[in-house]
Amino acid sequence: MDLLELLGWLGNIVLSIGVIPQVWQTWRTHDVSSFNWSFLLMWSGGVFLTFIYIAAGNIKSGDFQWPLWLNYAVNIIGTFYLVYAKAFYSRKKTDDR
């Protein structure tokens, strides 16, 4: 593994871990009041579209950039959970009133 590949792995591990504290806090507290719909939808959409771009390019070239796959796979799961949580917990809070 060369230095650039190591930097790629480290950077993408940090980026993929970055979503986990927010997912964990949301899972525990069910508090989604501070989440902005525009942010969540743009973030999750951007992550998903970028993953498609990376996957298509990697498949076409046959050169797989696994650090990027890890980052985007974790972020897709995390951001889509946060979108789900925003929809589910916001509706539940409204129903409880």
PDB file of N, CA and C in Angstrom:
ATOM      1  N   MET A   1       0.860  -1.170   0.000  1.00  0.00           N
ATOM      2  CA  MET A   1       0.000   0.000   0.000  1.00  0.00           C
ATOM      3  C   MET A   1       0.910   1.238   0.000  1.00  0.00           C
ATOM      4  N   ASP A   2       0.692   2.122  -0.958  1.00  0.00           N
ATOM      5  CA  ASP A   2       1.509   3.329  -1.001  1.00  0.00           C
ATOM      6  C   ASP A   2       0.862   4.429  -0.161  1.00  0.00           C
ATOM      7  N   LEU A   3       1.550   5.548  -0.027  1.00  0.00           N
ATOM      8  CA  LEU A   3       1.099   6.651   0.835  1.00  0.00           C
ATOM      9  C   LEU A   3      -0.241   7.215   0.382  1.00  0.00           C
ATOM     10  N   LEU A   4      -0.441   7.382  -0.926  1.00  0.00           N
ATOM     11  CA  LEU A   4      -1.711   7.935  -1.405  1.00  0.00           C
ATOM     12  C   LEU A   4      -2.874   7.000  -1.108  1.00  0.00           C
ATOM     13  N   GLU A   5      -2.659   5.707  -1.275  1.00  0.00           N
ATOM     14  CA  GLU A   5      -3.723   4.757  -0.962  1.00  0.00           C
ATOM     15  C   GLU A   5      -4.026   4.763   0.534  1.00  0.00           C
ATOM     16  N   LEU A   6      -3.002   4.856   1.351  1.00  0.00           N
ATOM     17  CA  LEU A   6      -3.189   4.938   2.803  1.00  0.00           C
ATOM     18  C   LEU A   6      -3.977   6.186   3.176  1.00  0.00           C
ATOM     19  N   LEU A   7      -3.635   7.312   2.561  1.00  0.00           N
ATOM     20  CA  LEU A   7      -4.378   8.554   2.815  1.00  0.00           C
ATOM     21  C   LEU A   7      -5.838   8.411   2.379  1.00  0.00           C
ATOM     22  N   GLY A   8      -6.058   7.748   1.246  1.00  0.00           N
ATOM     23  CA  GLY A   8      -7.428   7.511   0.782  1.00  0.00           C
ATOM     24  C   GLY A   8      -8.220   6.681   1.772  1.00  0.00           C
ATOM     25  N   TRP A   9      -7.608   5.613   2.267  1.00  0.00           N
ATOM     26  CA  TRP A   9      -8.282   4.781   3.261  1.00  0.00           C
ATOM     27  C   TRP A   9      -8.578   5.564   4.534  1.00  0.00           C
ATOM     28  N   LEU A  10      -7.579   6.267   5.047  1.00  0.00           N
ATOM     29  CA  LEU A  10      -7.773   7.020   6.293  1.00  0.00           C
ATOM     30  C   LEU A  10      -8.858   8.087   6.137  1.00  0.00           C
ATOM     31  N   GLY A  11      -8.787   8.837   5.055  1.00  0.00           N
ATOM     32  CA  GLY A  11      -9.786   9.883   4.819  1.00  0.00           C
ATOM     33  C   GLY A  11     -11.189   9.329   4.695  1.00  0.00           C
ATOM     34  N   ASN A  12     -11.347   8.256   3.967  1.00  0.00           N
ATOM     35  CA  ASN A  12     -12.675   7.687   3.776  1.00  0.00           C
ATOM     36  C   ASN A  12     -13.191   6.975   5.016  1.00  0.00           C
ATOM     37  N   ILE A  13     -12.307   6.422   5.817  1.00  0.00           N
ATOM     38  CA  ILE A  13     -12.738   5.842   7.094  1.00  0.00           C
ATOM     39  C   ILE A  13     -13.258   6.944   8.012  1.00  0.00           C
ATOM     40  N   VAL A  14     -12.531   8.059   8.085  1.00  0.00           N
ATOM     41  CA  VAL A  14     -12.979   9.187   8.907  1.00  0.00           C
ATOM     42  C   VAL A  14     -14.329   9.704   8.407  1.00  0.00           C
ATOM     43  N   LEU A  15     -14.470   9.854   7.091  1.00  0.00           N
ATOM     44  CA  LEU A  15     -15.743  10.339   6.543  1.00  0.00           C
ATOM     45  C   LEU A  15     -16.889   9.366   6.799  1.00  0.00           C
ATOM     46  N   SER A  16     -16.629   8.082   6.693  1.00  0.00           N
ATOM     47  CA  SER A  16     -17.708   7.123   6.923  1.00  0.00           C
ATOM     48  C   SER A  16     -18.061   7.017   8.401  1.00  0.00           C
ATOM     49  N   ILE A  17     -17.088   7.159   9.269  1.00  0.00           N
ATOM     50  CA  ILE A  17     -17.358   7.142  10.708  1.00  0.00           C
ATOM     51  C   ILE A  17     -18.110   8.397  11.133  1.00  0.00           C
ATOM     52  N   GLY A  18     -17.922   9.490  10.407  1.00  0.00           N
ATOM     53  CA  GLY A  18     -18.526  10.773  10.777  1.00  0.00           C
ATOM     54  C   GLY A  18     -20.036  10.756  10.889  1.00  0.00           C
ATOM     55  N   VAL A  19     -20.708   9.925  10.133  1.00  0.00           N
ATOM     56  CA  VAL A  19     -22.166   9.883  10.181  1.00  0.00           C
ATOM     57  C   VAL A  19     -22.670   9.043  11.357  1.00  0.00           C
ATOM     58  N   ILE A  20     -21.845   8.165  11.882  1.00  0.00           N
ATOM     59  CA  ILE A  20     -22.282   7.222  12.914  1.00  0.00           C
ATOM     60  C   ILE A  20     -22.738   7.909  14.213  1.00  0.00           C
ATOM     61  N   PRO A  21     -22.040   8.915  14.743  1.00  0.00           N
ATOM     62  CA  PRO A  21     -22.544   9.548  15.966  1.00  0.00           C
ATOM     63  C   PRO A  21     -23.936  10.167  15.812  1.00  0.00           C
ATOM     64  N   GLN A  22     -24.209  10.751  14.649  1.00  0.00           N
ATOM     65  CA  GLN A  22     -25.540  11.337  14.438  1.00  0.00           C
ATOM     66  C   GLN A  22     -26.598  10.252  14.343  1.00  0.00           C
ATOM     67  N   VAL A  23     -26.304   9.173  13.664  1.00  0.00           N
ATOM     68  CA  VAL A  23     -27.240   8.057  13.565  1.00  0.00           C
ATOM     69  C   VAL A  23     -27.497   7.472  14.955  1.00  0.00           C
ATOM     70  N   TRP A  24     -26.445   7.277  15.726  1.00  0.00           N
ATOM     71  CA  TRP A  24     -26.587   6.708  17.074  1.00  0.00           C
ATOM     72  C   TRP A  24     -27.427   7.612  17.971  1.00  0.00           C
ATOM     73  N   GLN A  25     -27.145   8.905  17.939  1.00  0.00           N
ATOM     74  CA  GLN A  25     -27.910   9.838  18.776  1.00  0.00           C
ATOM     75  C   GLN A  25     -29.376   9.858  18.359  1.00  0.00           C
ATOM     76  N   THR A  26     -29.632   9.844  17.069  1.00  0.00           N
ATOM     77  CA  THR A  26     -31.010   9.851  16.583  1.00  0.00           C
ATOM     78  C   THR A  26     -31.715   8.558  16.970  1.00  0.00           C
ATOM     79  N   TRP A  27     -31.021   7.443  16.869  1.00  0.00           N
ATOM     80  CA  TRP A  27     -31.584   6.144  17.251  1.00  0.00           C
ATOM     81  C   TRP A  27     -31.980   6.142  18.730  1.00  0.00           C
ATOM     82  N   ARG A  28     -31.097   6.693  19.557  1.00  0.00           N
ATOM     83  CA  ARG A  28     -31.345   6.691  21.011  1.00  0.00           C
ATOM     84  C   ARG A  28     -32.435   7.666  21.422  1.00  0.00           C
ATOM     85  N   THR A  29     -32.384   8.899  20.910  1.00  0.00           N
ATOM     86  CA  THR A  29     -33.263   9.959  21.399  1.00  0.00           C
ATOM     87  C   THR A  29     -34.532  10.154  20.577  1.00  0.00           C
ATOM     88  N   HIS A  30     -34.523   9.717  19.345  1.00  0.00           N
ATOM     89  CA  HIS A  30     -35.623   9.941  18.401  1.00  0.00           C
ATOM     90  C   HIS A  30     -35.859  11.429  18.166  1.00  0.00           C
ATOM     91  N   ASP A  31     -34.881  12.248  18.476  1.00  0.00           N
ATOM     92  CA  ASP A  31     -35.003  13.694  18.286  1.00  0.00           C
ATOM     93  C   ASP A  31     -34.488  14.069  16.894  1.00  0.00           C
ATOM     94  N   VAL A  32     -35.394  14.486  16.052  1.00  0.00           N
ATOM     95  CA  VAL A  32     -35.036  14.886  14.689  1.00  0.00           C
ATOM     96  C   VAL A  32     -35.415  16.341  14.422  1.00  0.00           C
ATOM     97  N   SER A  33     -35.739  17.045  15.483  1.00  0.00           N
ATOM     98  CA  SER A  33     -36.238  18.414  15.322  1.00  0.00           C
ATOM     99  C   SER A  33     -35.226  19.356  14.679  1.00  0.00           C
ATOM    100  N   SER A  34     -33.951  19.095  14.852  1.00  0.00           N
ATOM    101  CA  SER A  34     -32.943  19.993  14.285  1.00  0.00           C
ATOM    102  C   SER A  34     -32.566  19.644  12.842  1.00  0.00           C
ATOM    103  N   PHE A  35     -33.095  18.544  12.318  1.00  0.00           N
ATOM    104  CA  PHE A  35     -32.768  18.158  10.950  1.00  0.00           C
ATOM    105  C   PHE A  35     -33.584  18.981   9.964  1.00  0.00           C
ATOM    106  N   ASN A  36     -32.911  19.545   9.014  1.00  0.00           N
ATOM    107  CA  ASN A  36     -33.560  20.311   7.965  1.00  0.00           C
ATOM    108  C   ASN A  36     -33.814  19.374   6.786  1.00  0.00           C
ATOM    109  N   TRP A  37     -35.067  19.357   6.293  1.00  0.00           N
ATOM    110  CA  TRP A  37     -35.409  18.468   5.184  1.00  0.00           C
ATOM    111  C   TRP A  37     -34.541  18.724   3.953  1.00  0.00           C
ATOM    112  N   SER A  38     -34.324  19.978   3.619  1.00  0.00           N
ATOM    113  CA  SER A  38     -33.516  20.294   2.430  1.00  0.00           C
ATOM    114  C   SER A  38     -32.125  19.705   2.554  1.00  0.00           C
ATOM    115  N   PHE A  39     -31.508  19.882   3.711  1.00  0.00           N
ATOM    116  CA  PHE A  39     -30.174  19.331   3.941  1.00  0.00           C
ATOM    117  C   PHE A  39     -30.169  17.818   3.820  1.00  0.00           C
ATOM    118  N   LEU A  40     -31.094  17.154   4.510  1.00  0.00           N
ATOM    119  CA  LEU A  40     -31.126  15.691   4.497  1.00  0.00           C
ATOM    120  C   LEU A  40     -31.327  15.133   3.096  1.00  0.00           C
ATOM    121  N   LEU A  41     -32.257  15.721   2.348  1.00  0.00           N
ATOM    122  CA  LEU A  41     -32.544  15.212   1.010  1.00  0.00           C
ATOM    123  C   LEU A  41     -31.401  15.488   0.039  1.00  0.00           C
ATOM    124  N   MET A  42     -30.797  16.675   0.134  1.00  0.00           N
ATOM    125  CA  MET A  42     -29.666  16.979  -0.749  1.00  0.00           C
ATOM    126  C   MET A  42     -28.459  16.119  -0.397  1.00  0.00           C
ATOM    127  N   TRP A  43     -28.202  15.944   0.885  1.00  0.00           N
ATOM    128  CA  TRP A  43     -27.059  15.147   1.329  1.00  0.00           C
ATOM    129  C   TRP A  43     -27.222  13.694   0.897  1.00  0.00           C
ATOM    130  N   SER A  44     -28.375  13.092   1.212  1.00  0.00           N
ATOM    131  CA  SER A  44     -28.573  11.689   0.847  1.00  0.00           C
ATOM    132  C   SER A  44     -28.600  11.515  -0.669  1.00  0.00           C
ATOM    133  N   GLY A  45     -29.230  12.429  -1.386  1.00  0.00           N
ATOM    134  CA  GLY A  45     -29.243  12.353  -2.846  1.00  0.00           C
ATOM    135  C   GLY A  45     -27.852  12.501  -3.433  1.00  0.00           C
ATOM    136  N   GLY A  46     -27.083  13.435  -2.911  1.00  0.00           N
ATOM    137  CA  GLY A  46     -25.714  13.638  -3.389  1.00  0.00           C
ATOM    138  C   GLY A  46     -24.824  12.447  -3.122  1.00  0.00           C
ATOM    139  N   VAL A  47     -24.949  11.871  -1.948  1.00  0.00           N
ATOM    140  CA  VAL A  47     -24.160  10.686  -1.602  1.00  0.00           C
ATOM    141  C   VAL A  47     -24.519   9.530  -2.533  1.00  0.00           C
ATOM    142  N   PHE A  48     -25.804   9.318  -2.766  1.00  0.00           N
ATOM    143  CA  PHE A  48     -26.262   8.224  -3.612  1.00  0.00           C
ATOM    144  C   PHE A  48     -25.800   8.414  -5.063  1.00  0.00           C
ATOM    145  N   LEU A  49     -25.975   9.613  -5.605  1.00  0.00           N
ATOM    146  CA  LEU A  49     -25.570   9.870  -6.993  1.00  0.00           C
ATOM    147  C   LEU A  49     -24.058   9.772  -7.164  1.00  0.00           C
ATOM    148  N   THR A  50     -23.310  10.255  -6.192  1.00  0.00           N
ATOM    149  CA  THR A  50     -21.848  10.147  -6.271  1.00  0.00           C
ATOM    150  C   THR A  50     -21.413   8.691  -6.207  1.00  0.00           C
ATOM    151  N   PHE A  51     -22.088   7.899  -5.390  1.00  0.00           N
ATOM    152  CA  PHE A  51     -21.769   6.475  -5.325  1.00  0.00           C
ATOM    153  C   PHE A  51     -22.012   5.799  -6.673  1.00  0.00           C
ATOM    154  N   ILE A  52     -23.114   6.124  -7.324  1.00  0.00           N
ATOM    155  CA  ILE A  52     -23.391   5.560  -8.650  1.00  0.00           C
ATOM    156  C   ILE A  52     -22.280   5.941  -9.627  1.00  0.00           C
ATOM    157  N   TYR A  53     -21.865   7.194  -9.595  1.00  0.00           N
ATOM    158  CA  TYR A  53     -20.792   7.675 -10.466  1.00  0.00           C
ATOM    159  C   TYR A  53     -19.497   6.899 -10.213  1.00  0.00           C
ATOM    160  N   ILE A  54     -19.130   6.757  -8.952  1.00  0.00           N
ATOM    161  CA  ILE A  54     -17.901   6.035  -8.600  1.00  0.00           C
ATOM    162  C   ILE A  54     -18.006   4.566  -9.003  1.00  0.00           C
ATOM    163  N   ALA A  55     -19.137   3.937  -8.685  1.00  0.00           N
ATOM    164  CA  ALA A  55     -19.319   2.524  -9.013  1.00  0.00           C
ATOM    165  C   ALA A  55     -19.251   2.297 -10.521  1.00  0.00           C
ATOM    166  N   ALA A  56     -19.938   3.132 -11.296  1.00  0.00           N
ATOM    167  CA  ALA A  56     -19.934   2.971 -12.757  1.00  0.00           C
ATOM    168  C   ALA A  56     -18.526   3.151 -13.310  1.00  0.00           C
ATOM    169  N   GLY A  57     -17.812   4.152 -12.825  1.00  0.00           N
ATOM    170  CA  GLY A  57     -16.446   4.382 -13.283  1.00  0.00           C
ATOM    171  C   GLY A  57     -15.516   3.246 -12.911  1.00  0.00           C
ATOM    172  N   ASN A  58     -15.675   2.741 -11.687  1.00  0.00           N
ATOM    173  CA  ASN A  58     -14.837   1.621 -11.238  1.00  0.00           C
ATOM    174  C   ASN A  58     -15.124   0.353 -12.033  1.00  0.00           C
ATOM    175  N   ILE A  59     -16.391   0.080 -12.286  1.00  0.00           N
ATOM    176  CA  ILE A  59     -16.762  -1.111 -13.052  1.00  0.00           C
ATOM    177  C   ILE A  59     -16.243  -0.991 -14.479  1.00  0.00           C
ATOM    178  N   LYS A  60     -16.380   0.186 -15.054  1.00  0.00           N
ATOM    179  CA  LYS A  60     -15.912   0.408 -16.430  1.00  0.00           C
ATOM    180  C   LYS A  60     -14.396   0.240 -16.544  1.00  0.00           C
ATOM    181  N   SER A  61     -13.665   0.795 -15.580  1.00  0.00           N
ATOM    182  CA  SER A  61     -12.201   0.734 -15.643  1.00  0.00           C
ATOM    183  C   SER A  61     -11.638  -0.570 -15.081  1.00  0.00           C
ATOM    184  N   GLY A  62     -12.423  -1.251 -14.264  1.00  0.00           N
ATOM    185  CA  GLY A  62     -11.933  -2.463 -13.610  1.00  0.00           C
ATOM    186  C   GLY A  62     -11.018  -2.169 -12.432  1.00  0.00           C
ATOM    187  N   ASP A  63     -10.881  -0.911 -12.080  1.00  0.00           N
ATOM    188  CA  ASP A  63     -10.021  -0.482 -10.968  1.00  0.00           C
ATOM    189  C   ASP A  63     -10.924  -0.003  -9.835  1.00  0.00           C
ATOM    190  N   PHE A  64     -11.095  -0.848  -8.827  1.00  0.00           N
ATOM    191  CA  PHE A  64     -12.029  -0.537  -7.751  1.00  0.00           C
ATOM    192  C   PHE A  64     -11.344   0.247  -6.639  1.00  0.00           C
ATOM    193  N   GLN A  65     -11.942   1.361  -6.281  1.00  0.00           N
ATOM    194  CA  GLN A  65     -11.428   2.215  -5.211  1.00  0.00           C
ATOM    195  C   GLN A  65     -12.218   1.884  -3.943  1.00  0.00           C
ATOM    196  N   TRP A  66     -11.776   0.844  -3.253  1.00  0.00           N
ATOM    197  CA  TRP A  66     -12.513   0.327  -2.100  1.00  0.00           C
ATOM    198  C   TRP A  66     -12.698   1.331  -0.972  1.00  0.00           C
ATOM    199  N   PRO A  67     -11.753   2.242  -0.731  1.00  0.00           N
ATOM    200  CA  PRO A  67     -12.015   3.239   0.315  1.00  0.00           C
ATOM    201  C   PRO A  67     -13.247   4.090   0.010  1.00  0.00           C
ATOM    202  N   LEU A  68     -13.435   4.448  -1.255  1.00  0.00           N
ATOM    203  CA  LEU A  68     -14.614   5.228  -1.628  1.00  0.00           C
ATOM    204  C   LEU A  68     -15.890   4.404  -1.490  1.00  0.00           C
ATOM    205  N   TRP A  69     -15.819   3.135  -1.855  1.00  0.00           N
ATOM    206  CA  TRP A  69     -16.984   2.268  -1.720  1.00  0.00           C
ATOM    207  C   TRP A  69     -17.398   2.168  -0.250  1.00  0.00           C
ATOM    208  N   LEU A  70     -16.420   2.005   0.642  1.00  0.00           N
ATOM    209  CA  LEU A  70     -16.710   1.936   2.077  1.00  0.00           C
ATOM    210  C   LEU A  70     -17.381   3.225   2.542  1.00  0.00           C
ATOM    211  N   ASN A  71     -16.780   4.351   2.219  1.00  0.00           N
ATOM    212  CA  ASN A  71     -17.311   5.642   2.639  1.00  0.00           C
ATOM    213  C   ASN A  71     -18.745   5.825   2.161  1.00  0.00           C
ATOM    214  N   TYR A  72     -18.974   5.622   0.876  1.00  0.00           N
ATOM    215  CA  TYR A  72     -20.302   5.892   0.343  1.00  0.00           C
ATOM    216  C   TYR A  72     -21.326   4.861   0.778  1.00  0.00           C
ATOM    217  N   ALA A  73     -20.936   3.615   0.956  1.00  0.00           N
ATOM    218  CA  ALA A  73     -21.881   2.606   1.445  1.00  0.00           C
ATOM    219  C   ALA A  73     -22.351   2.949   2.858  1.00  0.00           C
ATOM    220  N   VAL A  74     -21.414   3.291   3.734  1.00  0.00           N
ATOM    221  CA  VAL A  74     -21.784   3.651   5.106  1.00  0.00           C
ATOM    222  C   VAL A  74     -22.624   4.930   5.113  1.00  0.00           C
ATOM    223  N   ASN A  75     -22.238   5.912   4.308  1.00  0.00           N
ATOM    224  CA  ASN A  75     -22.991   7.166   4.275  1.00  0.00           C
ATOM    225  C   ASN A  75     -24.379   7.000   3.668  1.00  0.00           C
ATOM    226  N   ILE A  76     -24.522   6.133   2.678  1.00  0.00           N
ATOM    227  CA  ILE A  76     -25.855   5.884   2.123  1.00  0.00           C
ATOM    228  C   ILE A  76     -26.749   5.282   3.195  1.00  0.00           C
ATOM    229  N   ILE A  77     -26.262   4.290   3.897  1.00  0.00           N
ATOM    230  CA  ILE A  77     -27.057   3.668   4.961  1.00  0.00           C
ATOM    231  C   ILE A  77     -27.392   4.692   6.043  1.00  0.00           C
ATOM    232  N   GLY A  78     -26.386   5.456   6.474  1.00  0.00           N
ATOM    233  CA  GLY A  78     -26.598   6.448   7.535  1.00  0.00           C
ATOM    234  C   GLY A  78     -27.554   7.553   7.133  1.00  0.00           C
ATOM    235  N   THR A  79     -27.355   8.121   5.966  1.00  0.00           N
ATOM    236  CA  THR A  79     -28.210   9.251   5.566  1.00  0.00           C
ATOM    237  C   THR A  79     -29.629   8.801   5.259  1.00  0.00           C
ATOM    238  N   PHE A  80     -29.774   7.611   4.666  1.00  0.00           N
ATOM    239  CA  PHE A  80     -31.123   7.137   4.398  1.00  0.00           C
ATOM    240  C   PHE A  80     -31.841   6.803   5.704  1.00  0.00           C
ATOM    241  N   TYR A  81     -31.110   6.323   6.707  1.00  0.00           N
ATOM    242  CA  TYR A  81     -31.739   6.119   8.022  1.00  0.00           C
ATOM    243  C   TYR A  81     -32.198   7.462   8.596  1.00  0.00           C
ATOM    244  N   LEU A  82     -31.364   8.495   8.484  1.00  0.00           N
ATOM    245  CA  LEU A  82     -31.732   9.799   9.026  1.00  0.00           C
ATOM    246  C   LEU A  82     -32.954  10.377   8.310  1.00  0.00           C
ATOM    247  N   VAL A  83     -33.069  10.176   7.006  1.00  0.00           N
ATOM    248  CA  VAL A  83     -34.265  10.616   6.275  1.00  0.00           C
ATOM    249  C   VAL A  83     -35.484   9.845   6.773  1.00  0.00           C
ATOM    250  N   TYR A  84     -35.329   8.535   6.919  1.00  0.00           N
ATOM    251  CA  TYR A  84     -36.420   7.717   7.450  1.00  0.00           C
ATOM    252  C   TYR A  84     -36.813   8.195   8.853  1.00  0.00           C
ATOM    253  N   ALA A  85     -35.804   8.410   9.711  1.00  0.00           N
ATOM    254  CA  ALA A  85     -36.071   8.839  11.087  1.00  0.00           C
ATOM    255  C   ALA A  85     -36.790  10.182  11.103  1.00  0.00           C
ATOM    256  N   LYS A  86     -36.365  11.099  10.252  1.00  0.00           N
ATOM    257  CA  LYS A  86     -37.011  12.421  10.194  1.00  0.00           C
ATOM    258  C   LYS A  86     -38.480  12.253   9.829  1.00  0.00           C
ATOM    259  N   ALA A  87     -38.770  11.425   8.845  1.00  0.00           N
ATOM    260  CA  ALA A  87     -40.158  11.215   8.427  1.00  0.00           C
ATOM    261  C   ALA A  87     -40.949  10.481   9.508  1.00  0.00           C
ATOM    262  N   PHE A  88     -40.391   9.407  10.048  1.00  0.00           N
ATOM    263  CA  PHE A  88     -41.111   8.570  11.009  1.00  0.00           C
ATOM    264  C   PHE A  88     -41.291   9.274  12.351  1.00  0.00           C
ATOM    265  N   TYR A  89     -40.223   9.814  12.922  1.00  0.00           N
ATOM    266  CA  TYR A  89     -40.314  10.420  14.249  1.00  0.00           C
ATOM    267  C   TYR A  89     -41.042  11.752  14.222  1.00  0.00           C
ATOM    268  N   SER A  90     -40.959  12.484  13.119  1.00  0.00           N
ATOM    269  CA  SER A  90     -41.726  13.730  13.008  1.00  0.00           C
ATOM    270  C   SER A  90     -43.211  13.432  12.963  1.00  0.00           C
ATOM    271  N   ARG A  91     -43.586  12.410  12.198  1.00  0.00           N
ATOM    272  CA  ARG A  91     -45.008  12.018  12.078  1.00  0.00           C
ATOM    273  C   ARG A  91     -45.509  11.475  13.416  1.00  0.00           C
ATOM    274  N   LYS A  92     -44.684  10.671  14.073  1.00  0.00           N
ATOM    275  CA  LYS A  92     -45.068  10.091  15.363  1.00  0.00           C
ATOM    276  C   LYS A  92     -45.291  11.189  16.400  1.00  0.00           C
ATOM    277  N   LYS A  93     -44.434  12.194  16.409  1.00  0.00           N
ATOM    278  CA  LYS A  93     -44.567  13.303  17.354  1.00  0.00           C
ATOM    279  C   LYS A  93     -45.860  14.071  17.091  1.00  0.00           C
ATOM    280  N   THR A  94     -46.190  14.245  15.818  1.00  0.00           N
ATOM    281  CA  THR A  94     -47.434  14.940  15.442  1.00  0.00           C
ATOM    282  C   THR A  94     -48.638  14.115  15.863  1.00  0.00           C
ATOM    283  N   ASP A  95     -48.570  12.788  15.681  1.00  0.00           N
ATOM    284  CA  ASP A  95     -49.671  11.902  16.059  1.00  0.00           C
ATOM    285  C   ASP A  95     -49.884  11.854  17.559  1.00  0.00           C
ATOM    286  N   ASP A  96     -48.813  12.028  18.336  1.00  0.00           N
ATOM    287  CA  ASP A  96     -48.906  11.957  19.795  1.00  0.00           C
ATOM    288  C   ASP A  96     -49.553  13.197  20.396  1.00  0.00           C
ATOM    289  N   ARG A  97     -49.668  14.237  19.652  1.00  0.00           N
ATOM    290  CA  ARG A  97     -50.252  15.486  20.202  1.00  0.00           C
ATOM    291  C   ARG A  97     -51.723  15.406  20.345  1.00  0.00           C
TER     292      ARG A  97
END
